[in-house]
Amino acid sequence: MKETVQQYIRRMRGLVGDKDPLRIQAATPGRIRRLVRGLPARKVKRRPAPGKWSIAEILAHLADAELMGATRIRMILGKPGTPIQAFDQDDWARTMRYREQDARTSLEAFCVLRERNLALLRSLTPRQWKQYGMHQERGKETVARVTEMFAGHDLNHLGQIERLAGGK
């Protein structure tokens, strides 16, 4: 059964707990690189079960999600109160053919976008952290909440990659 929006929010926030979302986000690229370093291509492309993503698909998803996060934060900062469009990750995975994406290219795209997003986030004033947009499914989301949700998203997918990479 698919989780509700509220269950997803609780799960992401629970993964973060009292940890610093920026520290989580800053550590993620290096953690992923260490996890996938030296993995054979067949392991990176192998799905653990029907309908479940491979490491390569997770990396493609992370790159696209980071692009969306970058857009959302910039939209909020540029026009507080702006509508924030939701997206269906499974539709994107099919439409953007995540199974066919090169894992290294996806990882590098994610890392470059993450670096840019962290630089922006670290430059924000306290007032800017409180600016918000209206997420189509989740309602009012401040820049701080978007940042926290992305940190939880990182931890969620890091756990998946760790399990899939286990026993290299």
N, C-alpha and C. Protein backbone atom coordinates (compact mmCIF):
# COMPACT_ATOMS: atom_id res chain seq x y z
N MET A 1 0.84 -1.18 0.00
CA MET A 1 0.00 0.00 0.00
C MET A 1 0.89 1.25 0.00
N LYS A 2 0.57 2.16 -0.88
CA LYS A 2 1.35 3.40 -0.99
C LYS A 2 1.10 4.29 0.23
N GLU A 3 2.17 4.90 0.73
CA GLU A 3 2.02 5.75 1.91
C GLU A 3 1.35 7.07 1.56
N THR A 4 0.69 7.65 2.54
CA THR A 4 0.04 8.95 2.36
C THR A 4 1.10 10.04 2.39
N VAL A 5 0.68 11.23 2.01
CA VAL A 5 1.58 12.39 2.05
C VAL A 5 2.06 12.62 3.48
N GLN A 6 1.15 12.54 4.44
CA GLN A 6 1.52 12.76 5.84
C GLN A 6 2.48 11.69 6.35
N GLN A 7 2.26 10.45 5.95
CA GLN A 7 3.17 9.36 6.34
C GLN A 7 4.57 9.60 5.76
N TYR A 8 4.61 10.06 4.51
CA TYR A 8 5.90 10.35 3.87
C TYR A 8 6.62 11.47 4.62
N ILE A 9 5.91 12.54 4.95
CA ILE A 9 6.52 13.66 5.67
C ILE A 9 7.08 13.16 7.00
N ARG A 10 6.28 12.40 7.76
CA ARG A 10 6.74 11.87 9.05
C ARG A 10 7.97 10.98 8.88
N ARG A 11 7.95 10.15 7.85
CA ARG A 11 9.09 9.24 7.63
C ARG A 11 10.35 10.02 7.31
N MET A 12 10.27 11.02 6.42
CA MET A 12 11.45 11.81 6.06
C MET A 12 11.96 12.59 7.27
N ARG A 13 11.06 13.21 8.00
CA ARG A 13 11.46 13.98 9.19
C ARG A 13 12.04 13.05 10.25
N GLY A 14 11.48 11.85 10.37
CA GLY A 14 11.99 10.87 11.33
C GLY A 14 13.41 10.43 10.99
N LEU A 15 13.70 10.29 9.71
CA LEU A 15 15.06 9.91 9.30
C LEU A 15 16.07 10.98 9.69
N VAL A 16 15.67 12.23 9.58
CA VAL A 16 16.56 13.35 9.91
C VAL A 16 16.69 13.50 11.42
N GLY A 17 15.57 13.38 12.12
CA GLY A 17 15.59 13.55 13.58
C GLY A 17 16.13 14.92 13.95
N ASP A 18 17.09 14.93 14.87
CA ASP A 18 17.66 16.22 15.30
C ASP A 18 18.99 16.53 14.61
N LYS A 19 19.31 15.76 13.56
CA LYS A 19 20.55 16.01 12.81
C LYS A 19 20.40 17.25 11.92
N ASP A 20 21.51 17.85 11.59
CA ASP A 20 21.54 19.05 10.75
C ASP A 20 21.30 18.66 9.29
N PRO A 21 20.21 19.13 8.68
CA PRO A 21 19.91 18.77 7.29
C PRO A 21 21.02 19.16 6.30
N LEU A 22 21.69 20.29 6.54
CA LEU A 22 22.76 20.69 5.62
C LEU A 22 23.95 19.75 5.73
N ARG A 23 24.25 19.29 6.94
CA ARG A 23 25.35 18.33 7.09
C ARG A 23 25.04 17.01 6.41
N ILE A 24 23.81 16.56 6.54
CA ILE A 24 23.38 15.33 5.86
C ILE A 24 23.56 15.50 4.36
N GLN A 25 23.05 16.61 3.84
CA GLN A 25 23.14 16.83 2.40
C GLN A 25 24.58 16.97 1.91
N ALA A 26 25.42 17.61 2.71
CA ALA A 26 26.82 17.77 2.32
C ALA A 26 27.55 16.43 2.29
N ALA A 27 27.18 15.53 3.18
CA ALA A 27 27.87 14.23 3.26
C ALA A 27 27.39 13.23 2.21
N THR A 28 26.20 13.41 1.69
CA THR A 28 25.60 12.41 0.80
C THR A 28 26.42 12.10 -0.45
N PRO A 29 26.89 13.07 -1.22
CA PRO A 29 27.65 12.72 -2.42
C PRO A 29 28.86 11.81 -2.13
N GLY A 30 29.63 12.14 -1.11
CA GLY A 30 30.79 11.31 -0.77
C GLY A 30 30.39 9.92 -0.32
N ARG A 31 29.32 9.83 0.44
CA ARG A 31 28.85 8.51 0.89
C ARG A 31 28.43 7.66 -0.30
N ILE A 32 27.72 8.26 -1.23
CA ILE A 32 27.30 7.50 -2.42
C ILE A 32 28.52 7.07 -3.22
N ARG A 33 29.45 7.99 -3.44
CA ARG A 33 30.66 7.63 -4.21
C ARG A 33 31.38 6.44 -3.58
N ARG A 34 31.51 6.45 -2.25
CA ARG A 34 32.18 5.33 -1.57
C ARG A 34 31.39 4.03 -1.74
N LEU A 35 30.09 4.11 -1.68
CA LEU A 35 29.26 2.91 -1.79
C LEU A 35 29.32 2.28 -3.18
N VAL A 36 29.39 3.11 -4.21
CA VAL A 36 29.34 2.55 -5.57
C VAL A 36 30.72 2.32 -6.19
N ARG A 37 31.75 2.85 -5.55
CA ARG A 37 33.11 2.69 -6.09
C ARG A 37 33.44 1.21 -6.24
N GLY A 38 33.84 0.84 -7.44
CA GLY A 38 34.27 -0.52 -7.70
C GLY A 38 33.15 -1.54 -7.91
N LEU A 39 31.91 -1.10 -7.86
CA LEU A 39 30.82 -2.05 -8.09
C LEU A 39 30.77 -2.44 -9.56
N PRO A 40 30.58 -3.70 -9.86
CA PRO A 40 30.43 -4.10 -11.26
C PRO A 40 29.14 -3.53 -11.85
N ALA A 41 29.16 -3.24 -13.13
CA ALA A 41 28.01 -2.62 -13.80
C ALA A 41 26.75 -3.47 -13.63
N ARG A 42 26.88 -4.77 -13.65
CA ARG A 42 25.70 -5.62 -13.52
C ARG A 42 25.03 -5.43 -12.15
N LYS A 43 25.83 -5.18 -11.12
CA LYS A 43 25.28 -4.96 -9.79
C LYS A 43 24.60 -3.59 -9.70
N VAL A 44 25.17 -2.61 -10.36
CA VAL A 44 24.60 -1.26 -10.35
C VAL A 44 23.27 -1.24 -11.10
N LYS A 45 23.13 -2.07 -12.12
CA LYS A 45 21.92 -2.10 -12.95
C LYS A 45 20.87 -3.11 -12.46
N ARG A 46 21.25 -3.99 -11.55
CA ARG A 46 20.35 -5.06 -11.13
C ARG A 46 19.27 -4.54 -10.18
N ARG A 47 18.04 -4.87 -10.51
CA ARG A 47 16.91 -4.54 -9.65
C ARG A 47 16.79 -5.62 -8.57
N PRO A 48 16.52 -5.21 -7.33
CA PRO A 48 16.41 -6.20 -6.25
C PRO A 48 15.13 -7.04 -6.33
N ALA A 49 14.12 -6.50 -6.97
CA ALA A 49 12.83 -7.19 -7.13
C ALA A 49 12.05 -6.46 -8.21
N PRO A 50 11.06 -7.13 -8.79
CA PRO A 50 10.24 -6.43 -9.80
C PRO A 50 9.61 -5.16 -9.20
N GLY A 51 9.70 -4.09 -9.96
CA GLY A 51 9.13 -2.82 -9.52
C GLY A 51 9.99 -2.04 -8.54
N LYS A 52 11.14 -2.59 -8.15
CA LYS A 52 12.06 -1.90 -7.24
C LYS A 52 13.23 -1.38 -8.06
N TRP A 53 13.76 -0.22 -7.65
CA TRP A 53 14.82 0.41 -8.43
C TRP A 53 16.19 -0.17 -8.15
N SER A 54 17.01 -0.16 -9.19
CA SER A 54 18.43 -0.51 -9.09
C SER A 54 19.18 0.71 -8.56
N ILE A 55 20.47 0.52 -8.27
CA ILE A 55 21.31 1.66 -7.87
C ILE A 55 21.32 2.71 -8.97
N ALA A 56 21.45 2.28 -10.22
CA ALA A 56 21.49 3.23 -11.33
C ALA A 56 20.21 4.05 -11.40
N GLU A 57 19.08 3.40 -11.17
CA GLU A 57 17.81 4.12 -11.20
C GLU A 57 17.69 5.09 -10.03
N ILE A 58 18.17 4.69 -8.86
CA ILE A 58 18.16 5.58 -7.70
C ILE A 58 19.02 6.81 -7.99
N LEU A 59 20.18 6.61 -8.61
CA LEU A 59 21.06 7.74 -8.92
C LEU A 59 20.41 8.69 -9.92
N ALA A 60 19.73 8.15 -10.91
CA ALA A 60 19.02 9.00 -11.87
C ALA A 60 17.92 9.78 -11.16
N HIS A 61 17.22 9.11 -10.26
CA HIS A 61 16.18 9.77 -9.47
C HIS A 61 16.76 10.87 -8.60
N LEU A 62 17.87 10.61 -7.94
CA LEU A 62 18.49 11.63 -7.09
C LEU A 62 18.89 12.86 -7.89
N ALA A 63 19.41 12.65 -9.09
CA ALA A 63 19.79 13.79 -9.94
C ALA A 63 18.56 14.61 -10.31
N ASP A 64 17.48 13.94 -10.72
CA ASP A 64 16.26 14.68 -11.07
C ASP A 64 15.63 15.34 -9.86
N ALA A 65 15.62 14.66 -8.72
CA ALA A 65 15.05 15.24 -7.51
C ALA A 65 15.85 16.47 -7.07
N GLU A 66 17.16 16.41 -7.22
CA GLU A 66 17.99 17.57 -6.85
C GLU A 66 17.70 18.75 -7.76
N LEU A 67 17.47 18.47 -9.03
CA LEU A 67 17.08 19.52 -9.97
C LEU A 67 15.75 20.14 -9.56
N MET A 68 14.80 19.30 -9.15
CA MET A 68 13.51 19.81 -8.68
C MET A 68 13.67 20.63 -7.40
N GLY A 69 14.50 20.13 -6.48
CA GLY A 69 14.75 20.87 -5.24
C GLY A 69 15.36 22.23 -5.52
N ALA A 70 16.30 22.26 -6.45
CA ALA A 70 16.94 23.52 -6.84
C ALA A 70 15.90 24.50 -7.37
N THR A 71 15.02 24.00 -8.21
CA THR A 71 13.97 24.84 -8.79
C THR A 71 13.01 25.33 -7.72
N ARG A 72 12.57 24.43 -6.85
CA ARG A 72 11.61 24.81 -5.80
C ARG A 72 12.18 25.90 -4.90
N ILE A 73 13.40 25.71 -4.45
CA ILE A 73 14.01 26.70 -3.54
C ILE A 73 14.14 28.04 -4.23
N ARG A 74 14.57 28.04 -5.47
CA ARG A 74 14.75 29.30 -6.19
C ARG A 74 13.40 29.98 -6.48
N MET A 75 12.39 29.17 -6.75
CA MET A 75 11.05 29.73 -6.96
C MET A 75 10.54 30.39 -5.67
N ILE A 76 10.73 29.72 -4.55
CA ILE A 76 10.30 30.26 -3.26
C ILE A 76 11.04 31.56 -2.95
N LEU A 77 12.35 31.56 -3.16
CA LEU A 77 13.13 32.75 -2.86
C LEU A 77 12.78 33.90 -3.80
N GLY A 78 12.52 33.58 -5.05
CA GLY A 78 12.22 34.62 -6.03
C GLY A 78 10.81 35.16 -5.93
N LYS A 79 9.88 34.32 -5.47
CA LYS A 79 8.48 34.74 -5.37
C LYS A 79 7.83 33.98 -4.22
N PRO A 80 8.02 34.46 -3.00
CA PRO A 80 7.43 33.79 -1.84
C PRO A 80 5.93 33.53 -2.03
N GLY A 81 5.49 32.35 -1.57
CA GLY A 81 4.10 31.96 -1.70
C GLY A 81 3.79 31.26 -3.01
N THR A 82 4.79 31.13 -3.86
CA THR A 82 4.59 30.53 -5.18
C THR A 82 4.08 29.09 -5.08
N PRO A 83 3.28 28.65 -6.05
CA PRO A 83 2.86 27.25 -6.07
C PRO A 83 4.06 26.34 -6.37
N ILE A 84 4.10 25.19 -5.71
CA ILE A 84 5.16 24.20 -5.93
C ILE A 84 4.51 22.95 -6.50
N GLN A 85 4.91 22.61 -7.70
CA GLN A 85 4.36 21.45 -8.40
C GLN A 85 4.92 20.15 -7.82
N ALA A 86 4.05 19.19 -7.57
CA ALA A 86 4.47 17.85 -7.17
C ALA A 86 4.82 17.05 -8.44
N PHE A 87 5.49 15.92 -8.26
CA PHE A 87 5.73 15.03 -9.39
C PHE A 87 5.69 13.59 -8.91
N ASP A 88 5.34 12.70 -9.80
CA ASP A 88 5.27 11.27 -9.50
C ASP A 88 6.59 10.64 -9.91
N GLN A 89 7.37 10.19 -8.92
CA GLN A 89 8.70 9.66 -9.20
C GLN A 89 8.67 8.43 -10.10
N ASP A 90 7.65 7.62 -9.99
CA ASP A 90 7.57 6.43 -10.83
C ASP A 90 7.27 6.79 -12.28
N ASP A 91 6.41 7.80 -12.48
CA ASP A 91 6.16 8.28 -13.84
C ASP A 91 7.45 8.84 -14.44
N TRP A 92 8.19 9.60 -13.63
CA TRP A 92 9.45 10.16 -14.12
C TRP A 92 10.43 9.04 -14.45
N ALA A 93 10.51 8.04 -13.62
CA ALA A 93 11.45 6.93 -13.86
C ALA A 93 11.15 6.26 -15.20
N ARG A 94 9.87 6.07 -15.49
CA ARG A 94 9.50 5.47 -16.78
C ARG A 94 9.75 6.43 -17.93
N THR A 95 9.26 7.65 -17.79
CA THR A 95 9.34 8.63 -18.87
C THR A 95 10.79 9.01 -19.20
N MET A 96 11.60 9.19 -18.17
CA MET A 96 12.99 9.58 -18.38
C MET A 96 13.91 8.37 -18.53
N ARG A 97 13.32 7.18 -18.56
CA ARG A 97 14.06 5.93 -18.79
C ARG A 97 15.25 5.76 -17.84
N TYR A 98 14.98 5.84 -16.56
CA TYR A 98 16.03 5.70 -15.55
C TYR A 98 16.84 4.41 -15.73
N ARG A 99 16.20 3.35 -16.17
CA ARG A 99 16.91 2.06 -16.35
C ARG A 99 18.02 2.17 -17.38
N GLU A 100 17.88 3.09 -18.31
CA GLU A 100 18.85 3.25 -19.40
C GLU A 100 19.90 4.31 -19.10
N GLN A 101 19.77 5.04 -18.02
CA GLN A 101 20.70 6.12 -17.71
C GLN A 101 22.04 5.59 -17.23
N ASP A 102 23.09 6.29 -17.59
CA ASP A 102 24.43 5.94 -17.12
C ASP A 102 24.57 6.37 -15.66
N ALA A 103 24.91 5.43 -14.80
CA ALA A 103 24.98 5.70 -13.36
C ALA A 103 26.01 6.78 -13.04
N ARG A 104 27.17 6.74 -13.69
CA ARG A 104 28.21 7.74 -13.41
C ARG A 104 27.74 9.15 -13.78
N THR A 105 27.09 9.27 -14.92
CA THR A 105 26.58 10.58 -15.35
C THR A 105 25.53 11.09 -14.37
N SER A 106 24.64 10.19 -13.94
CA SER A 106 23.61 10.59 -12.96
C SER A 106 24.24 11.04 -11.66
N LEU A 107 25.24 10.31 -11.19
CA LEU A 107 25.89 10.66 -9.94
C LEU A 107 26.60 12.01 -10.06
N GLU A 108 27.28 12.24 -11.15
CA GLU A 108 27.98 13.52 -11.32
C GLU A 108 26.99 14.68 -11.41
N ALA A 109 25.87 14.48 -12.12
CA ALA A 109 24.86 15.53 -12.20
C ALA A 109 24.33 15.84 -10.80
N PHE A 110 24.04 14.80 -10.03
CA PHE A 110 23.57 14.99 -8.66
C PHE A 110 24.59 15.79 -7.85
N CYS A 111 25.85 15.40 -7.94
CA CYS A 111 26.90 16.05 -7.13
C CYS A 111 27.06 17.52 -7.49
N VAL A 112 27.03 17.85 -8.76
CA VAL A 112 27.18 19.25 -9.18
C VAL A 112 25.99 20.08 -8.71
N LEU A 113 24.79 19.55 -8.91
CA LEU A 113 23.60 20.27 -8.46
C LEU A 113 23.59 20.43 -6.95
N ARG A 114 23.98 19.39 -6.23
CA ARG A 114 24.00 19.46 -4.77
C ARG A 114 24.98 20.53 -4.30
N GLU A 115 26.14 20.59 -4.91
CA GLU A 115 27.13 21.59 -4.53
C GLU A 115 26.57 23.00 -4.70
N ARG A 116 25.91 23.23 -5.83
CA ARG A 116 25.30 24.55 -6.09
C ARG A 116 24.21 24.87 -5.08
N ASN A 117 23.37 23.86 -4.79
CA ASN A 117 22.28 24.08 -3.84
C ASN A 117 22.80 24.36 -2.44
N LEU A 118 23.82 23.63 -2.03
CA LEU A 118 24.39 23.87 -0.70
C LEU A 118 24.99 25.27 -0.60
N ALA A 119 25.66 25.71 -1.65
CA ALA A 119 26.24 27.06 -1.64
C ALA A 119 25.13 28.11 -1.47
N LEU A 120 24.03 27.92 -2.18
CA LEU A 120 22.92 28.85 -2.05
C LEU A 120 22.35 28.80 -0.63
N LEU A 121 22.06 27.60 -0.13
CA LEU A 121 21.46 27.46 1.19
C LEU A 121 22.34 28.07 2.28
N ARG A 122 23.64 27.89 2.17
CA ARG A 122 24.55 28.44 3.18
C ARG A 122 24.60 29.96 3.15
N SER A 123 24.15 30.56 2.06
CA SER A 123 24.20 32.02 1.94
C SER A 123 22.91 32.71 2.40
N LEU A 124 21.89 31.93 2.75
CA LEU A 124 20.59 32.52 3.07
C LEU A 124 20.57 33.23 4.41
N THR A 125 19.73 34.25 4.48
CA THR A 125 19.50 34.97 5.73
C THR A 125 18.44 34.20 6.54
N PRO A 126 18.33 34.47 7.84
CA PRO A 126 17.27 33.83 8.62
C PRO A 126 15.86 34.07 8.04
N ARG A 127 15.63 35.24 7.52
CA ARG A 127 14.32 35.55 6.90
C ARG A 127 14.07 34.66 5.68
N GLN A 128 15.10 34.45 4.87
CA GLN A 128 14.93 33.64 3.66
C GLN A 128 14.61 32.18 3.99
N TRP A 129 15.15 31.66 5.09
CA TRP A 129 14.87 30.27 5.49
C TRP A 129 13.38 30.09 5.79
N LYS A 130 12.71 31.19 6.16
CA LYS A 130 11.28 31.13 6.53
C LYS A 130 10.35 31.36 5.35
N GLN A 131 10.90 31.80 4.21
CA GLN A 131 10.06 32.00 3.03
C GLN A 131 9.48 30.66 2.62
N TYR A 132 8.32 30.70 2.00
CA TYR A 132 7.64 29.45 1.69
C TYR A 132 6.97 29.48 0.32
N GLY A 133 6.68 28.28 -0.14
CA GLY A 133 5.84 28.06 -1.31
C GLY A 133 4.70 27.16 -0.89
N MET A 134 3.72 27.01 -1.77
CA MET A 134 2.56 26.16 -1.48
C MET A 134 2.66 24.89 -2.33
N HIS A 135 3.14 23.83 -1.69
CA HIS A 135 3.31 22.54 -2.36
C HIS A 135 1.94 21.98 -2.71
N GLN A 136 1.82 21.48 -3.90
CA GLN A 136 0.56 20.96 -4.42
C GLN A 136 -0.04 19.87 -3.52
N GLU A 137 0.79 19.06 -2.90
CA GLU A 137 0.31 17.97 -2.06
C GLU A 137 0.55 18.20 -0.56
N ARG A 138 1.62 18.89 -0.23
CA ARG A 138 2.02 19.01 1.18
C ARG A 138 1.67 20.36 1.82
N GLY A 139 1.17 21.28 1.03
CA GLY A 139 0.80 22.58 1.57
C GLY A 139 2.01 23.49 1.75
N LYS A 140 1.93 24.37 2.75
CA LYS A 140 2.96 25.38 2.98
C LYS A 140 4.30 24.71 3.32
N GLU A 141 5.32 25.04 2.52
CA GLU A 141 6.67 24.52 2.77
C GLU A 141 7.68 25.66 2.74
N THR A 142 8.34 25.86 3.86
CA THR A 142 9.40 26.86 3.92
C THR A 142 10.66 26.29 3.28
N VAL A 143 11.61 27.17 3.02
CA VAL A 143 12.91 26.70 2.51
C VAL A 143 13.53 25.74 3.53
N ALA A 144 13.37 26.03 4.82
CA ALA A 144 13.90 25.14 5.85
C ALA A 144 13.26 23.75 5.76
N ARG A 145 11.95 23.69 5.53
CA ARG A 145 11.27 22.40 5.43
C ARG A 145 11.70 21.64 4.17
N VAL A 146 11.82 22.35 3.05
CA VAL A 146 12.29 21.72 1.82
C VAL A 146 13.66 21.09 2.06
N THR A 147 14.53 21.83 2.74
CA THR A 147 15.88 21.36 3.04
C THR A 147 15.83 20.12 3.93
N GLU A 148 14.97 20.14 4.93
CA GLU A 148 14.83 18.98 5.82
C GLU A 148 14.28 17.77 5.05
N MET A 149 13.30 17.98 4.20
CA MET A 149 12.73 16.88 3.42
C MET A 149 13.78 16.27 2.49
N PHE A 150 14.62 17.10 1.90
CA PHE A 150 15.65 16.57 1.02
C PHE A 150 16.71 15.81 1.80
N ALA A 151 16.99 16.22 3.01
CA ALA A 151 17.94 15.47 3.85
C ALA A 151 17.36 14.09 4.17
N GLY A 152 16.08 14.03 4.51
CA GLY A 152 15.44 12.74 4.75
C GLY A 152 15.42 11.88 3.50
N HIS A 153 15.16 12.51 2.38
CA HIS A 153 15.18 11.82 1.08
C HIS A 153 16.56 11.21 0.83
N ASP A 154 17.60 11.97 1.13
CA ASP A 154 18.97 11.45 1.00
C ASP A 154 19.15 10.19 1.84
N LEU A 155 18.79 10.29 3.12
CA LEU A 155 19.00 9.17 4.03
C LEU A 155 18.20 7.94 3.60
N ASN A 156 17.00 8.16 3.11
CA ASN A 156 16.18 7.07 2.61
C ASN A 156 16.89 6.33 1.47
N HIS A 157 17.34 7.10 0.49
CA HIS A 157 17.98 6.46 -0.67
C HIS A 157 19.39 5.95 -0.37
N LEU A 158 20.09 6.58 0.55
CA LEU A 158 21.38 6.04 0.97
C LEU A 158 21.20 4.64 1.56
N GLY A 159 20.17 4.48 2.37
CA GLY A 159 19.89 3.17 2.94
C GLY A 159 19.63 2.13 1.85
N GLN A 160 18.89 2.51 0.84
CA GLN A 160 18.62 1.59 -0.27
C GLN A 160 19.92 1.23 -1.00
N ILE A 161 20.73 2.24 -1.28
CA ILE A 161 21.99 1.99 -2.00
C ILE A 161 22.91 1.10 -1.15
N GLU A 162 22.98 1.36 0.14
CA GLU A 162 23.80 0.53 1.03
C GLU A 162 23.37 -0.93 0.96
N ARG A 163 22.07 -1.18 1.01
CA ARG A 163 21.57 -2.56 0.94
C ARG A 163 21.91 -3.19 -0.40
N LEU A 164 21.70 -2.44 -1.49
CA LEU A 164 21.94 -2.99 -2.82
C LEU A 164 23.44 -3.20 -3.09
N ALA A 165 24.28 -2.35 -2.53
CA ALA A 165 25.72 -2.45 -2.77
C ALA A 165 26.38 -3.47 -1.83
N GLY A 166 25.68 -3.86 -0.79
CA GLY A 166 26.26 -4.77 0.21
C GLY A 166 26.93 -5.97 -0.43
N GLY A 167 28.07 -6.32 0.11
CA GLY A 167 28.81 -7.48 -0.39
C GLY A 167 29.43 -7.29 -1.75
N LYS A 168 29.65 -6.04 -2.12
CA LYS A 168 30.25 -5.69 -3.42
C LYS A 168 30.73 -6.92 -4.15
